[in-house]
């Protein structure tokens, strides 16, 4: 988990961290991002997922 120091402190996860938390494969999370189901921000060649966006994704899936 990465914490950025902005006006509002946001928590960001990598695809690997999200995959581990949700007990799915890395590629599954990547496909959710590509399909627009999970919001992610690209930082260089890597993606970062905000904790808020992950929680919203989980709520929609319930």
C-alpha atoms as a PDB file:
ATOM      1  CA  UNK A   1       0.000   0.000   0.000  1.00  0.00           C
ATOM      2  CA  UNK A   2       1.247   3.461  -0.900  1.00  0.00           C
ATOM      3  CA  UNK A   3       0.150   6.612   0.869  1.00  0.00           C
ATOM      4  CA  UNK A   4       0.407   9.862  -1.058  1.00  0.00           C
ATOM      5  CA  UNK A   5       0.698  13.136   0.820  1.00  0.00           C
ATOM      6  CA  UNK A   6      -1.952  15.321  -0.772  1.00  0.00           C
ATOM      7  CA  UNK A   7      -4.514  17.583   0.825  1.00  0.00           C
ATOM      8  CA  UNK A   8      -6.538  14.426   1.389  1.00  0.00           C
ATOM      9  CA  UNK A   9      -4.508  11.358   2.249  1.00  0.00           C
ATOM     10  CA  UNK A  10      -5.379   8.640  -0.247  1.00  0.00           C
ATOM     11  CA  UNK A  11      -4.277   5.042  -0.045  1.00  0.00           C
ATOM     12  CA  UNK A  12      -3.237   3.273  -3.228  1.00  0.00           C
ATOM     13  CA  UNK A  13      -2.777  -0.427  -3.941  1.00  0.00           C
ATOM     14  CA  UNK A  14      -0.906  -2.236  -6.681  1.00  0.00           C
ATOM     15  CA  UNK A  15      -2.587  -4.854  -8.850  1.00  0.00           C
ATOM     16  CA  UNK A  16      -0.704  -7.534  -6.920  1.00  0.00           C
ATOM     17  CA  UNK A  17      -2.021  -6.263  -3.585  1.00  0.00           C
ATOM     18  CA  UNK A  18      -5.607  -6.122  -4.854  1.00  0.00           C
ATOM     19  CA  UNK A  19      -5.317  -9.622  -6.323  1.00  0.00           C
ATOM     20  CA  UNK A  20      -4.061 -10.957  -2.990  1.00  0.00           C
ATOM     21  CA  UNK A  21      -6.797  -9.192  -1.001  1.00  0.00           C
ATOM     22  CA  UNK A  22      -9.562 -10.471  -3.282  1.00  0.00           C
ATOM     23  CA  UNK A  23      -7.963 -13.916  -3.714  1.00  0.00           C
ATOM     24  CA  UNK A  24      -7.956 -13.736  -7.500  1.00  0.00           C
ATOM     25  CA  UNK A  25      -5.213 -13.842 -10.115  1.00  0.00           C
ATOM     26  CA  UNK A  26      -3.205 -10.776 -11.133  1.00  0.00           C
ATOM     27  CA  UNK A  27      -4.574 -11.124 -14.658  1.00  0.00           C
ATOM     28  CA  UNK A  28      -8.167 -11.013 -13.383  1.00  0.00           C
ATOM     29  CA  UNK A  29      -7.590  -7.620 -11.745  1.00  0.00           C
ATOM     30  CA  UNK A  30      -5.792  -6.407 -14.867  1.00  0.00           C
ATOM     31  CA  UNK A  31      -8.758  -7.440 -17.018  1.00  0.00           C
ATOM     32  CA  UNK A  32     -11.200  -5.635 -14.693  1.00  0.00           C
ATOM     33  CA  UNK A  33      -9.117  -2.480 -15.176  1.00  0.00           C
ATOM     34  CA  UNK A  34      -8.985  -2.903 -18.956  1.00  0.00           C
ATOM     35  CA  UNK A  35     -12.759  -3.480 -19.093  1.00  0.00           C
ATOM     36  CA  UNK A  36     -13.400  -0.315 -17.068  1.00  0.00           C
ATOM     37  CA  UNK A  37     -14.953  -2.228 -14.174  1.00  0.00           C
ATOM     38  CA  UNK A  38     -12.229  -1.186 -11.713  1.00  0.00           C
ATOM     39  CA  UNK A  39     -10.850   2.358 -11.738  1.00  0.00           C
ATOM     40  CA  UNK A  40      -7.054   2.513 -11.752  1.00  0.00           C
ATOM     41  CA  UNK A  41      -4.437   5.182 -12.349  1.00  0.00           C
ATOM     42  CA  UNK A  42      -1.385   4.492 -14.466  1.00  0.00           C
ATOM     43  CA  UNK A  43       1.939   5.503 -12.932  1.00  0.00           C
ATOM     44  CA  UNK A  44       4.588   4.859 -15.538  1.00  0.00           C
ATOM     45  CA  UNK A  45       4.138   1.233 -16.544  1.00  0.00           C
ATOM     46  CA  UNK A  46       2.280   0.272 -13.383  1.00  0.00           C
ATOM     47  CA  UNK A  47      -1.283   0.733 -12.201  1.00  0.00           C
ATOM     48  CA  UNK A  48      -2.413   2.049  -8.832  1.00  0.00           C
ATOM     49  CA  UNK A  49      -5.879   1.532  -7.409  1.00  0.00           C
ATOM     50  CA  UNK A  50      -7.310   3.940  -4.820  1.00  0.00           C
ATOM     51  CA  UNK A  51      -8.731   2.335  -1.699  1.00  0.00           C
ATOM     52  CA  UNK A  52     -11.993   4.256  -2.259  1.00  0.00           C
ATOM     53  CA  UNK A  53     -12.283   2.940  -5.827  1.00  0.00           C
ATOM     54  CA  UNK A  54     -11.595  -0.613  -4.668  1.00  0.00           C
ATOM     55  CA  UNK A  55     -14.275  -0.340  -1.984  1.00  0.00           C
ATOM     56  CA  UNK A  56     -16.760   0.987  -4.549  1.00  0.00           C
ATOM     57  CA  UNK A  57     -15.935  -1.909  -6.884  1.00  0.00           C
ATOM     58  CA  UNK A  58     -16.493  -4.436  -4.091  1.00  0.00           C
ATOM     59  CA  UNK A  59     -19.833  -2.848  -3.125  1.00  0.00           C
ATOM     60  CA  UNK A  60     -21.085  -2.972  -6.728  1.00  0.00           C
ATOM     61  CA  UNK A  61     -20.113  -6.650  -7.002  1.00  0.00           C
ATOM     62  CA  UNK A  62     -22.195  -7.647  -3.939  1.00  0.00           C
END
